[in-house]
N, C-alpha and C. Protein backbone atom coordinates (compact mmCIF):
# COMPACT_ATOMS: atom_id res chain seq x y z
N UNK A 1 47.07 159.40 59.42
CA UNK A 1 47.72 158.32 59.43
C UNK A 1 48.71 159.49 58.01
N UNK A 2 50.48 158.57 58.52
CA UNK A 2 51.22 159.97 57.88
C UNK A 2 50.66 159.48 56.12
N UNK A 3 51.58 160.08 54.92
CA UNK A 3 51.81 159.58 53.75
C UNK A 3 52.64 159.71 53.75
N UNK A 4 52.88 159.95 52.20
CA UNK A 4 54.75 159.51 52.35
C UNK A 4 55.27 160.42 52.04
N UNK A 5 56.02 161.18 53.78
CA UNK A 5 56.30 162.34 54.20
C UNK A 5 57.74 161.83 54.08
N UNK A 6 58.34 160.54 54.52
CA UNK A 6 59.54 160.56 54.21
C UNK A 6 60.69 160.41 52.88
N UNK A 7 59.33 159.87 51.94
CA UNK A 7 59.45 159.76 50.34
C UNK A 7 59.95 161.09 49.76
N UNK A 8 59.24 162.26 50.78
CA UNK A 8 59.32 163.35 49.73
C UNK A 8 60.08 163.87 50.83
N UNK A 9 60.84 163.88 51.44
CA UNK A 9 61.75 164.67 52.55
C UNK A 9 62.80 164.44 51.27
N UNK A 10 63.05 162.77 51.14
CA UNK A 10 64.37 162.19 50.88
C UNK A 10 64.59 162.84 49.28
N UNK A 11 63.15 163.37 49.02
CA UNK A 11 63.65 164.20 47.30
C UNK A 11 63.95 165.51 46.87
N UNK A 12 63.55 165.77 48.76
CA UNK A 12 63.53 167.42 48.34
C UNK A 12 61.96 167.88 48.28
N UNK A 13 61.19 167.61 47.83
CA UNK A 13 59.77 168.03 47.34
C UNK A 13 58.56 167.86 47.70
N UNK A 14 57.40 168.06 47.52
CA UNK A 14 56.36 168.04 48.66
C UNK A 14 56.05 167.17 47.11
N UNK A 15 55.01 166.22 47.66
CA UNK A 15 54.54 165.01 46.98
C UNK A 15 52.72 166.19 46.00
N UNK A 16 52.88 165.88 44.97
CA UNK A 16 52.27 167.06 44.42
C UNK A 16 50.73 165.81 43.14
N UNK A 17 49.92 165.88 43.11
CA UNK A 17 49.00 165.38 42.21
C UNK A 17 48.35 165.53 40.59
N UNK A 18 49.29 167.18 40.64
CA UNK A 18 48.61 167.91 39.24
C UNK A 18 50.26 168.37 39.76
N UNK A 19 50.36 168.47 38.45
CA UNK A 19 52.08 169.33 37.88
C UNK A 19 51.02 170.75 36.89
N UNK A 20 52.53 171.50 37.59
CA UNK A 20 52.29 172.75 36.43
C UNK A 20 51.97 172.72 35.09
N UNK A 21 51.41 173.35 34.54
CA UNK A 21 51.39 173.57 32.99
C UNK A 21 52.20 174.36 32.65
N UNK A 22 53.34 174.12 31.51
CA UNK A 22 54.55 174.40 31.52
C UNK A 22 53.71 175.97 31.20
N UNK A 23 53.18 176.36 29.76
CA UNK A 23 53.16 177.15 29.07
C UNK A 23 51.72 177.98 29.59
N UNK A 24 50.88 177.30 31.12
CA UNK A 24 49.87 178.62 31.01
C UNK A 24 50.50 178.91 32.07
N UNK A 25 50.63 179.76 32.89
CA UNK A 25 51.00 179.54 34.72
C UNK A 25 49.47 179.89 34.86
N UNK A 26 49.42 179.10 36.74
CA UNK A 26 47.45 179.09 36.63
C UNK A 26 47.61 177.64 36.61
N UNK A 27 47.62 176.85 35.17
CA UNK A 27 46.48 175.96 34.91
C UNK A 27 47.80 174.47 35.18
N UNK A 28 46.91 173.34 35.68
CA UNK A 28 47.63 172.35 35.53
C UNK A 28 47.04 171.45 34.58
N UNK A 29 47.06 170.08 34.67
CA UNK A 29 47.25 169.23 34.14
C UNK A 29 47.48 168.13 34.29
N UNK A 30 47.37 166.68 33.81
CA UNK A 30 47.83 164.61 34.54
C UNK A 30 48.74 165.04 33.76
N UNK A 31 49.46 164.72 32.50
CA UNK A 31 50.70 165.05 31.77
C UNK A 31 50.99 165.96 30.98
N UNK A 32 52.67 165.52 30.38
CA UNK A 32 52.88 166.36 29.29
C UNK A 32 53.80 165.56 28.11
N UNK A 33 53.48 165.50 27.50
CA UNK A 33 54.77 165.27 26.52
C UNK A 33 56.37 166.39 26.24
N UNK A 34 57.07 166.36 26.70
CA UNK A 34 58.53 167.19 26.67
C UNK A 34 59.48 166.17 26.66
N UNK A 35 60.32 166.29 25.25
CA UNK A 35 61.67 166.16 24.99
C UNK A 35 63.02 167.08 25.08
N UNK A 36 62.33 168.04 25.77
CA UNK A 36 62.87 169.39 25.76
C UNK A 36 64.44 169.54 26.40
N UNK A 37 64.57 168.46 26.78
CA UNK A 37 65.40 168.34 28.88
C UNK A 37 66.42 166.95 27.70
N UNK A 38 67.18 167.83 27.07
CA UNK A 38 68.60 166.87 26.94
C UNK A 38 68.76 166.18 27.91
N UNK A 39 69.32 164.67 27.95
CA UNK A 39 70.15 163.86 28.31
C UNK A 39 71.18 163.81 28.45
N UNK A 40 72.23 163.72 28.88
CA UNK A 40 73.74 163.20 28.49
C UNK A 40 73.38 161.31 29.95
N UNK A 41 75.24 160.32 28.99
CA UNK A 41 74.95 159.39 29.43
C UNK A 41 75.38 158.84 30.76
N UNK A 42 75.68 159.85 31.85
CA UNK A 42 75.96 160.02 33.30
C UNK A 42 74.21 159.67 34.57
N UNK A 43 75.24 159.29 35.16
CA UNK A 43 73.89 158.67 36.14
C UNK A 43 73.35 159.85 36.27
N UNK A 44 73.79 160.52 36.90
CA UNK A 44 73.35 162.08 37.97
C UNK A 44 72.41 162.76 36.68
N UNK A 45 73.20 162.84 35.18
CA UNK A 45 73.00 163.87 33.99
C UNK A 45 71.11 163.19 34.06
N UNK A 46 70.42 162.16 34.15
CA UNK A 46 69.76 161.44 33.47
C UNK A 46 68.89 160.99 34.45
N UNK A 47 69.31 161.24 35.62
CA UNK A 47 68.60 161.32 37.19
C UNK A 47 67.85 162.74 37.37
N UNK A 48 68.88 163.82 36.58
CA UNK A 48 67.85 164.67 37.32
C UNK A 48 67.57 165.26 35.66
N UNK A 49 67.96 164.06 35.08
CA UNK A 49 66.53 165.12 33.85
C UNK A 49 65.48 164.20 33.62
N UNK A 50 65.48 163.20 34.44
CA UNK A 50 64.31 162.23 34.53
C UNK A 50 63.80 163.41 35.56
N UNK A 51 63.86 163.79 36.75
CA UNK A 51 63.49 164.35 37.16
C UNK A 51 62.81 166.03 36.71
N UNK A 52 63.35 166.86 35.84
CA UNK A 52 63.17 168.00 35.02
C UNK A 52 61.49 167.75 34.82
N UNK A 53 61.51 166.09 34.14
CA UNK A 53 60.25 166.45 33.05
C UNK A 53 59.23 165.49 33.97
N UNK A 54 59.46 164.94 35.35
CA UNK A 54 58.66 165.11 36.25
C UNK A 54 57.96 166.42 36.42
N UNK A 55 58.99 167.11 36.71
CA UNK A 55 58.73 168.38 36.86
C UNK A 55 57.92 169.38 36.51
N UNK A 56 57.68 168.81 34.80
CA UNK A 56 56.86 169.39 33.73
C UNK A 56 55.94 169.03 33.28
N UNK A 57 55.60 167.75 34.19
CA UNK A 57 54.34 167.21 33.55
C UNK A 57 54.42 165.63 32.86
N UNK A 58 55.78 165.14 32.76
CA UNK A 58 55.98 164.16 31.45
C UNK A 58 56.22 163.28 32.77
N UNK A 59 55.30 161.75 33.18
CA UNK A 59 55.96 161.34 34.19
C UNK A 59 55.43 160.28 32.64
N UNK A 60 55.39 159.67 32.02
CA UNK A 60 56.32 158.63 31.39
C UNK A 60 57.29 158.98 30.84
N UNK A 61 57.36 160.44 30.33
CA UNK A 61 58.98 160.24 29.51
C UNK A 61 60.20 160.02 30.61
N UNK A 62 60.05 160.91 32.19
CA UNK A 62 60.87 160.90 32.94
C UNK A 62 60.64 158.66 33.88
N UNK A 63 59.15 158.06 33.80
CA UNK A 63 59.54 157.06 34.45
C UNK A 63 60.48 155.97 32.84
N UNK A 64 60.04 155.79 31.84
CA UNK A 64 61.18 155.42 30.36
C UNK A 64 62.94 156.15 31.02
N UNK A 65 62.62 157.14 31.00
CA UNK A 65 64.70 157.71 31.61
C UNK A 65 65.32 156.67 33.40
N UNK A 66 63.96 156.11 34.16
CA UNK A 66 64.84 155.51 35.16
C UNK A 66 65.08 154.59 34.87
N UNK A 67 63.61 154.24 33.68
CA UNK A 67 63.66 152.18 33.61
C UNK A 67 64.85 151.67 33.57
N UNK A 68 65.45 153.14 32.52
CA UNK A 68 66.73 152.86 31.69
C UNK A 68 68.40 153.06 33.14
N UNK A 69 67.74 153.78 33.62
CA UNK A 69 69.01 153.73 34.34
C UNK A 69 68.84 152.21 35.41
N UNK A 70 67.92 151.71 36.06
CA UNK A 70 67.82 150.98 36.54
C UNK A 70 68.60 149.37 35.90
N UNK A 71 67.82 149.85 34.74
CA UNK A 71 68.72 148.59 33.93
C UNK A 71 70.19 148.87 33.72
N UNK A 72 70.62 149.32 33.50
CA UNK A 72 72.04 150.49 33.75
C UNK A 72 72.33 150.52 34.97
N UNK A 73 71.83 150.73 35.60
CA UNK A 73 72.43 150.85 37.90
C UNK A 73 71.74 149.91 38.55
N UNK A 74 71.44 149.22 38.53
CA UNK A 74 70.80 148.11 39.48
C UNK A 74 71.06 148.22 41.02
N UNK A 75 72.17 149.32 40.88
CA UNK A 75 72.47 149.62 42.31
C UNK A 75 72.20 151.05 43.20
N UNK A 76 71.37 151.17 41.87
CA UNK A 76 71.57 152.44 42.64
C UNK A 76 69.49 152.61 43.12
N UNK A 77 69.20 152.90 44.22
CA UNK A 77 68.32 152.83 44.71
C UNK A 77 67.20 153.32 44.51
N UNK A 78 67.45 155.10 44.24
CA UNK A 78 66.87 156.90 43.65
C UNK A 78 65.77 156.32 42.72
N UNK A 79 66.00 155.23 41.80
CA UNK A 79 65.56 155.46 40.53
C UNK A 79 63.82 154.72 40.49
N UNK A 80 64.75 153.05 40.69
CA UNK A 80 63.58 152.52 41.82
C UNK A 80 61.87 153.67 42.05
N UNK A 81 62.93 154.48 43.36
CA UNK A 81 61.99 154.60 44.22
C UNK A 81 60.91 155.53 43.60
N UNK A 82 61.60 155.97 42.91
CA UNK A 82 60.69 157.79 41.90
C UNK A 82 60.27 157.41 41.17
N UNK A 83 60.16 156.09 40.48
CA UNK A 83 59.18 155.08 39.13
C UNK A 83 58.26 154.65 40.35
N UNK A 84 58.20 154.47 40.98
CA UNK A 84 56.75 153.80 42.86
C UNK A 84 56.10 155.23 42.99
N UNK A 85 57.41 156.25 43.19
CA UNK A 85 56.29 157.70 43.64
C UNK A 85 55.39 158.23 42.69
N UNK A 86 56.36 158.28 41.37
CA UNK A 86 55.78 159.19 40.24
C UNK A 86 54.46 157.80 39.75
N UNK A 87 54.28 156.85 39.71
CA UNK A 87 53.37 155.66 40.25
C UNK A 87 52.26 156.35 40.59
N UNK A 88 52.72 156.02 42.27
CA UNK A 88 51.53 156.84 43.21
C UNK A 88 50.33 157.98 43.12
N UNK A 89 52.07 159.10 42.13
CA UNK A 89 51.25 160.49 42.40
C UNK A 89 50.09 160.50 41.09
N UNK A 90 50.38 159.39 40.20
CA UNK A 90 49.80 158.73 39.13
C UNK A 90 47.92 158.14 39.76
N UNK A 91 48.63 158.35 41.04
CA UNK A 91 46.91 156.74 41.01
C UNK A 91 46.69 155.41 40.56
N UNK A 92 48.34 155.18 40.22
CA UNK A 92 48.35 153.52 39.54
C UNK A 92 48.58 152.71 41.24
N UNK A 93 48.23 152.59 41.97
CA UNK A 93 48.80 151.80 43.59
C UNK A 93 49.22 150.62 42.95
N UNK A 94 48.55 150.01 42.48
CA UNK A 94 48.97 147.93 42.39
C UNK A 94 51.06 148.67 41.78
N UNK A 95 50.05 149.66 40.45
CA UNK A 95 51.93 149.49 40.03
C UNK A 95 52.83 150.01 40.83
N UNK A 96 52.73 150.77 41.41
CA UNK A 96 53.62 151.82 42.79
C UNK A 96 53.49 150.75 43.44
N UNK A 97 52.86 149.76 44.10
CA UNK A 97 53.90 149.44 45.09
C UNK A 97 54.22 147.35 44.50
N UNK A 98 54.16 147.66 43.28
CA UNK A 98 54.56 146.02 42.53
C UNK A 98 56.19 146.89 42.32
N UNK A 99 56.94 148.77 42.19
CA UNK A 99 57.91 148.70 42.05
C UNK A 99 58.08 149.12 43.94
N UNK A 100 57.35 149.19 44.95
CA UNK A 100 58.18 149.66 45.33
C UNK A 100 58.90 147.85 46.20
N UNK A 101 58.44 146.60 45.76
CA UNK A 101 58.48 145.60 46.15
C UNK A 101 59.74 144.81 45.71
N UNK A 102 59.83 145.30 44.64
CA UNK A 102 61.24 145.03 43.59
C UNK A 102 61.99 145.74 44.32
N UNK A 103 61.79 147.25 44.90
CA UNK A 103 62.81 147.99 45.92
C UNK A 103 63.34 147.66 47.32
N UNK A 104 61.88 147.01 48.13
CA UNK A 104 62.42 146.19 49.36
C UNK A 104 63.12 144.92 49.07
N UNK A 105 62.97 143.99 48.17
CA UNK A 105 63.72 142.56 47.76
C UNK A 105 65.25 143.28 47.66
N UNK A 106 65.03 144.11 46.63
CA UNK A 106 66.59 144.81 46.16
C UNK A 106 67.17 145.07 47.35
N UNK A 107 67.00 146.04 48.14
CA UNK A 107 67.50 146.86 49.29
C UNK A 107 66.38 146.96 50.24
N UNK A 108 66.52 145.42 51.45
CA UNK A 108 66.20 144.96 52.46
C UNK A 108 65.58 145.82 52.91
N UNK A 109 66.20 146.58 53.42
CA UNK A 109 67.46 147.39 54.35
C UNK A 109 66.72 148.61 54.25
N UNK A 110 66.83 148.86 53.24
CA UNK A 110 66.48 150.62 52.77
C UNK A 110 64.98 151.35 53.29
N UNK A 111 64.67 151.93 54.46
CA UNK A 111 63.51 151.98 55.01
C UNK A 111 62.53 153.20 54.31
N UNK A 112 62.57 153.83 53.10
CA UNK A 112 62.40 154.31 52.57
C UNK A 112 61.06 153.83 51.46
N UNK A 113 62.15 152.62 50.95
CA UNK A 113 61.31 151.88 50.07
C UNK A 113 60.30 150.97 50.73
N UNK A 114 60.37 150.50 52.18
CA UNK A 114 59.19 150.47 52.72
C UNK A 114 58.32 150.98 53.21
N UNK A 115 58.11 151.84 53.98
CA UNK A 115 57.32 152.69 53.84
C UNK A 115 56.37 153.15 52.26
N UNK A 116 56.75 153.33 51.18
CA UNK A 116 56.47 153.53 49.76
C UNK A 116 55.67 152.04 50.04
N UNK A 117 56.30 151.11 49.81
CA UNK A 117 55.71 149.58 49.92
C UNK A 117 54.54 149.99 50.88
N UNK A 118 54.73 149.76 52.20
CA UNK A 118 53.23 149.86 53.01
C UNK A 118 52.44 150.84 52.40
N UNK A 119 52.95 152.11 52.16
CA UNK A 119 51.60 153.07 52.29
C UNK A 119 50.82 152.56 50.96
N UNK A 120 51.53 152.64 50.09
CA UNK A 120 50.76 152.76 48.69
C UNK A 120 50.28 151.14 49.18
N UNK A 121 49.94 149.63 49.33
CA UNK A 121 49.69 148.47 50.56
C UNK A 121 48.05 148.99 50.87
N UNK A 122 48.17 150.23 51.73
CA UNK A 122 47.60 150.33 52.77
C UNK A 122 46.51 151.07 52.24
N UNK A 123 47.10 152.34 50.74
CA UNK A 123 45.72 152.98 50.16
C UNK A 123 44.86 151.84 48.36
N UNK A 124 45.75 150.74 48.73
CA UNK A 124 45.01 150.04 48.43
C UNK A 124 43.92 148.72 48.89
N UNK A 125 44.01 149.45 50.58
CA UNK A 125 43.28 149.03 51.50
C UNK A 125 43.57 147.31 51.38
N UNK A 126 44.80 146.56 51.60
CA UNK A 126 45.29 145.91 52.00
C UNK A 126 45.92 146.01 52.83
N UNK A 127 45.63 145.41 53.65
CA UNK A 127 46.23 146.23 55.21
C UNK A 127 47.03 144.67 55.49
N UNK A 128 46.73 143.80 55.74
CA UNK A 128 47.68 142.68 55.93
C UNK A 128 48.56 142.80 55.47
N UNK A 129 48.71 143.01 53.54
CA UNK A 129 49.95 142.71 53.10
C UNK A 129 50.99 144.34 53.99
N UNK A 130 50.02 145.39 53.84
CA UNK A 130 50.88 146.78 55.27
C UNK A 130 52.01 146.21 55.96
N UNK A 131 50.92 145.57 57.22
CA UNK A 131 51.21 144.64 57.66
C UNK A 131 52.18 144.14 57.99
N UNK A 132 52.73 143.78 56.93
CA UNK A 132 53.42 141.95 57.11
C UNK A 132 55.02 143.31 56.87
N UNK A 133 54.11 144.23 55.42
CA UNK A 133 55.39 144.38 55.46
C UNK A 133 56.46 145.66 56.65
N UNK A 134 55.91 145.84 57.47
CA UNK A 134 55.94 146.12 58.70
C UNK A 134 57.40 145.63 59.09
N UNK A 135 55.80 144.35 59.78
CA UNK A 135 56.93 143.13 60.20
C UNK A 135 58.26 142.74 59.91
N UNK A 136 58.01 143.15 58.43
CA UNK A 136 58.89 141.94 57.70
C UNK A 136 60.73 142.62 58.03
N UNK A 137 60.05 144.28 57.92
CA UNK A 137 61.30 145.83 58.44
C UNK A 137 61.43 145.18 60.04
N UNK A 138 60.86 146.16 60.28
CA UNK A 138 60.73 145.99 61.70
C UNK A 138 61.91 144.38 62.31
N UNK A 139 62.28 143.63 61.84
CA UNK A 139 62.33 142.11 62.10
C UNK A 139 63.59 142.39 61.73
N UNK A 140 64.63 143.68 60.28
CA UNK A 140 65.38 143.55 61.11
C UNK A 140 66.90 144.74 60.49
N UNK A 141 65.05 146.25 60.95
CA UNK A 141 65.48 147.51 61.36
C UNK A 141 64.84 147.85 62.51
N UNK A 142 65.60 149.15 62.53
CA UNK A 142 63.83 149.57 63.55
C UNK A 142 63.70 151.14 62.59
N UNK A 143 62.11 151.41 63.02
CA UNK A 143 61.84 152.14 61.78
C UNK A 143 61.34 153.29 62.83
N UNK A 144 61.92 155.37 63.13
CA UNK A 144 60.71 155.16 64.24
C UNK A 144 59.53 155.52 63.17
N UNK A 145 59.61 155.54 61.55
CA UNK A 145 58.45 156.34 60.85
C UNK A 145 57.14 155.46 61.12
N UNK A 146 57.59 154.05 60.93
CA UNK A 146 56.85 152.77 61.68
C UNK A 146 55.98 152.96 62.73
N UNK A 147 57.34 153.13 63.96
CA UNK A 147 56.09 153.38 65.39
C UNK A 147 55.35 154.31 65.95
N UNK A 148 55.63 155.03 64.70
CA UNK A 148 54.75 156.60 64.99
C UNK A 148 53.15 156.35 63.90
N UNK A 149 53.72 155.05 62.98
CA UNK A 149 52.90 154.77 62.45
C UNK A 149 51.45 154.04 63.31
N UNK A 150 51.83 153.12 63.76
CA UNK A 150 51.69 151.73 64.13
C UNK A 150 50.92 152.76 65.29
N UNK A 151 51.04 153.53 66.65
CA UNK A 151 50.84 154.42 67.45
C UNK A 151 49.18 155.34 67.09
N UNK A 152 50.20 155.82 65.66
CA UNK A 152 48.51 156.70 65.24
C UNK A 152 47.13 155.36 65.18
N UNK A 153 47.36 154.62 64.69
CA UNK A 153 46.66 153.23 64.72
C UNK A 153 45.75 153.02 65.57
N UNK A 154 46.83 153.07 66.45
CA UNK A 154 46.20 152.46 67.80
C UNK A 154 45.39 153.33 68.43
N UNK A 155 46.23 154.49 68.51
CA UNK A 155 45.15 155.74 69.37
C UNK A 155 43.51 156.18 68.13
N UNK A 156 43.90 155.68 67.02
CA UNK A 156 42.49 156.03 66.69
C UNK A 156 41.71 153.80 66.34
N UNK A 157 41.78 153.10 66.53
CA UNK A 157 41.12 152.23 67.21
C UNK A 157 40.66 152.57 68.68
N UNK A 158 41.59 152.86 69.79
CA UNK A 158 41.45 153.00 71.01
C UNK A 158 40.40 154.35 70.90
N UNK A 159 39.92 155.39 70.46
CA UNK A 159 39.84 156.40 69.84
C UNK A 159 38.20 155.80 69.73
N UNK A 160 37.89 154.71 68.60
CA UNK A 160 36.90 154.39 68.26
C UNK A 160 36.44 153.36 69.48
N UNK A 161 37.20 152.54 69.44
CA UNK A 161 36.35 152.36 70.99
C UNK A 161 35.91 152.90 72.56
N UNK A 162 35.80 153.26 72.77
CA UNK A 162 35.59 154.51 73.50
C UNK A 162 34.11 154.98 73.23
N UNK A 163 34.33 155.72 71.53
CA UNK A 163 33.38 156.15 71.10
C UNK A 163 32.20 154.94 70.51
N UNK A 164 32.24 154.11 70.83
CA UNK A 164 31.35 152.72 70.50
C UNK A 164 31.20 151.82 72.07
N UNK A 165 31.57 152.36 72.94
CA UNK A 165 32.22 151.88 74.68
C UNK A 165 29.99 152.35 75.51
N UNK A 166 30.75 153.62 74.34
CA UNK A 166 29.92 154.70 75.29
C UNK A 166 28.17 155.27 75.07
């Protein structure tokens, strides 16, 4: 099954479950607290600062800045999505799903938010809720990504049924 390929493509970076250690090349860790990225007040600068903190391993610092951006600029979808993605990468699937759910309510036709919600629900084994999100989104828009996911699932089910019937 596809993981959040669309979300990562939109951000222009691959998914990372651990981050490189900033002072010891080759070492990885879960989080680093860092305040070495000063941020100015405008949206783009603060968003970039949050991305730099995330890349440096400071997920908490990145989320803090992104939450400030959501409060100040609620019409900007990217901050919602990146919060969900950070939480997803950290393994906090329930919290990530909650963030993606907020994004889908705020931006119901935004495919990337819907896919983020679907994938986190799917990974939490909440398949009924995941399929409910597919149905919700497909009722208002078409997603080639969802078509591929459903085709993959049906193909796997077909292969499983063939194996069990022989």
